[in-house]
């Protein structure tokens, strides 16, 4: 499930384990905030340090243009975005990648509690392609 060669794989594995436990107990069909509250309890019980609905500034060319709340910011390293949808779509993955870019983070998790099984995607900040002339 978790490849050890990925950065923060131990931590992301623990977060996914917490999410699996929440989904096992609650199942699907609740609003996102219910899963957010349950995941907060589970991660606290597992000793994982986090902030919930962490406000982060968004910058454009060095100028602050707004703020966005990430569902969880875990151990100052991993962004966790929750969904409660029947199915994750590419737009949700793109949104999570954009958040990584905006926050200057390398690793994130996209967790979907809305399906009959927990869906999770590990999100990594894409490497910039540089064209050679």
Protein backbone atom coordinates (compact mmCIF):
# COMPACT_ATOMS: atom_id res chain seq x y z
CA UNK A 1 0.00 0.00 0.00
CA UNK A 2 2.71 2.50 1.01
CA UNK A 3 6.04 2.50 -0.76
CA UNK A 4 8.86 3.16 1.67
CA UNK A 5 10.91 5.03 -0.92
CA UNK A 6 8.34 7.86 -0.97
CA UNK A 7 9.05 10.86 1.20
CA UNK A 8 7.16 10.76 4.52
CA UNK A 9 5.78 7.29 3.69
CA UNK A 10 5.65 6.30 7.38
CA UNK A 11 3.59 9.38 8.22
CA UNK A 12 1.28 9.11 5.22
CA UNK A 13 0.78 5.43 6.03
CA UNK A 14 -0.31 6.34 9.57
CA UNK A 15 -2.73 8.98 8.25
CA UNK A 16 -4.22 6.52 5.76
CA UNK A 17 -4.56 3.96 8.54
CA UNK A 18 -6.52 6.50 10.60
CA UNK A 19 -8.74 7.26 7.61
CA UNK A 20 -9.39 3.55 7.03
CA UNK A 21 -10.46 3.20 10.66
CA UNK A 22 -12.83 6.19 10.37
CA UNK A 23 -14.35 4.78 7.17
CA UNK A 24 -14.64 1.31 8.71
CA UNK A 25 -16.67 2.70 11.61
CA UNK A 26 -18.73 5.39 9.86
CA UNK A 27 -19.02 3.99 6.34
CA UNK A 28 -19.99 6.38 3.56
CA UNK A 29 -22.88 8.82 3.27
CA UNK A 30 -21.99 11.57 5.73
CA UNK A 31 -20.96 15.14 4.99
CA UNK A 32 -17.26 15.93 4.78
CA UNK A 33 -17.23 17.74 8.14
CA UNK A 34 -18.31 14.54 9.96
CA UNK A 35 -15.32 12.67 8.55
CA UNK A 36 -13.09 15.63 9.36
CA UNK A 37 -14.16 15.56 13.01
CA UNK A 38 -13.78 11.78 13.24
CA UNK A 39 -10.33 11.88 11.60
CA UNK A 40 -9.30 14.58 14.06
CA UNK A 41 -10.20 12.26 16.95
CA UNK A 42 -8.48 9.24 15.37
CA UNK A 43 -5.23 11.07 14.59
CA UNK A 44 -5.13 12.54 18.10
CA UNK A 45 -5.61 9.05 19.58
CA UNK A 46 -2.75 7.78 17.41
CA UNK A 47 -0.43 10.59 18.59
CA UNK A 48 -0.19 12.32 15.22
CA UNK A 49 0.42 16.08 15.49
CA UNK A 50 -1.75 18.21 13.21
CA UNK A 51 -3.72 21.39 12.83
CA UNK A 52 -7.26 21.28 11.47
CA UNK A 53 -8.58 23.82 8.96
CA UNK A 54 -5.13 25.35 8.87
CA UNK A 55 -5.17 28.79 7.23
CA UNK A 56 -2.49 29.14 4.61
CA UNK A 57 -1.65 32.19 2.52
CA UNK A 58 -1.78 32.01 -1.28
CA UNK A 59 0.77 34.08 -3.18
CA UNK A 60 1.07 35.17 -6.79
CA UNK A 61 4.50 36.43 -7.84
CA UNK A 62 5.32 37.23 -4.24
CA UNK A 63 2.07 39.07 -3.48
CA UNK A 64 -0.46 37.64 -1.09
CA UNK A 65 -3.73 37.20 -2.99
CA UNK A 66 -5.80 35.26 -0.49
CA UNK A 67 -6.03 32.41 1.95
CA UNK A 68 -7.22 28.84 1.83
CA UNK A 69 -7.95 26.42 4.61
CA UNK A 70 -6.44 23.01 4.20
CA UNK A 71 -8.43 20.31 6.03
CA UNK A 72 -5.37 19.07 7.92
CA UNK A 73 -1.73 20.09 8.04
CA UNK A 74 0.08 17.12 9.60
CA UNK A 75 3.37 17.40 11.48
CA UNK A 76 4.27 20.48 9.45
CA UNK A 77 4.94 18.23 6.44
CA UNK A 78 1.83 16.75 4.84
CA UNK A 79 -1.33 18.43 3.58
CA UNK A 80 -4.50 16.32 3.87
CA UNK A 81 -7.58 17.22 1.85
CA UNK A 82 -10.86 15.39 2.50
CA UNK A 83 -13.75 14.71 0.17
CA UNK A 84 -17.07 12.93 0.63
CA UNK A 85 -17.95 12.16 -2.98
CA UNK A 86 -19.19 9.09 -4.80
CA UNK A 87 -16.03 9.17 -6.94
CA UNK A 88 -12.86 11.25 -7.06
CA UNK A 89 -12.30 12.99 -10.37
CA UNK A 90 -9.23 14.49 -12.02
CA UNK A 91 -10.31 17.98 -10.95
CA UNK A 92 -9.97 16.98 -7.29
CA UNK A 93 -6.45 15.70 -7.86
CA UNK A 94 -5.57 18.89 -9.76
CA UNK A 95 -6.94 20.95 -6.87
CA UNK A 96 -4.76 19.07 -4.36
CA UNK A 97 -1.67 19.53 -6.55
CA UNK A 98 -2.43 23.26 -6.82
CA UNK A 99 -2.61 23.48 -3.03
CA UNK A 100 0.82 21.86 -2.74
CA UNK A 101 2.20 24.41 -5.18
CA UNK A 102 0.51 27.31 -3.41
CA UNK A 103 1.65 26.21 0.05
CA UNK A 104 5.17 25.26 -1.02
CA UNK A 105 4.71 21.68 0.20
CA UNK A 106 5.99 18.47 -1.36
CA UNK A 107 3.50 15.83 -0.17
CA UNK A 108 -0.23 15.65 0.30
CA UNK A 109 -3.03 13.13 0.65
CA UNK A 110 -6.44 13.28 -0.96
CA UNK A 111 -8.89 11.14 1.03
CA UNK A 112 -12.41 10.35 -0.18
CA UNK A 113 -14.89 8.94 2.33
CA UNK A 114 -17.92 9.07 0.01
CA UNK A 115 -17.36 5.77 -1.78
CA UNK A 116 -18.21 2.35 -0.33
CA UNK A 117 -14.44 1.91 0.18
CA UNK A 118 -12.06 4.64 1.30
CA UNK A 119 -10.25 6.14 -1.68
CA UNK A 120 -6.89 7.78 -1.20
CA UNK A 121 -4.36 9.38 -3.49
CA UNK A 122 -0.85 10.36 -2.58
CA UNK A 123 -0.16 13.75 -4.13
CA UNK A 124 3.35 14.98 -4.84
CA UNK A 125 4.47 18.38 -5.97
CA UNK A 126 5.28 17.96 -9.66
CA UNK A 127 8.80 18.50 -10.88
CA UNK A 128 9.11 21.55 -13.09
CA UNK A 129 9.91 20.78 -16.69
CA UNK A 130 12.59 22.98 -18.11
CA UNK A 131 12.98 23.16 -21.85
CA UNK A 132 16.47 23.18 -23.19
CA UNK A 133 17.15 25.37 -26.20
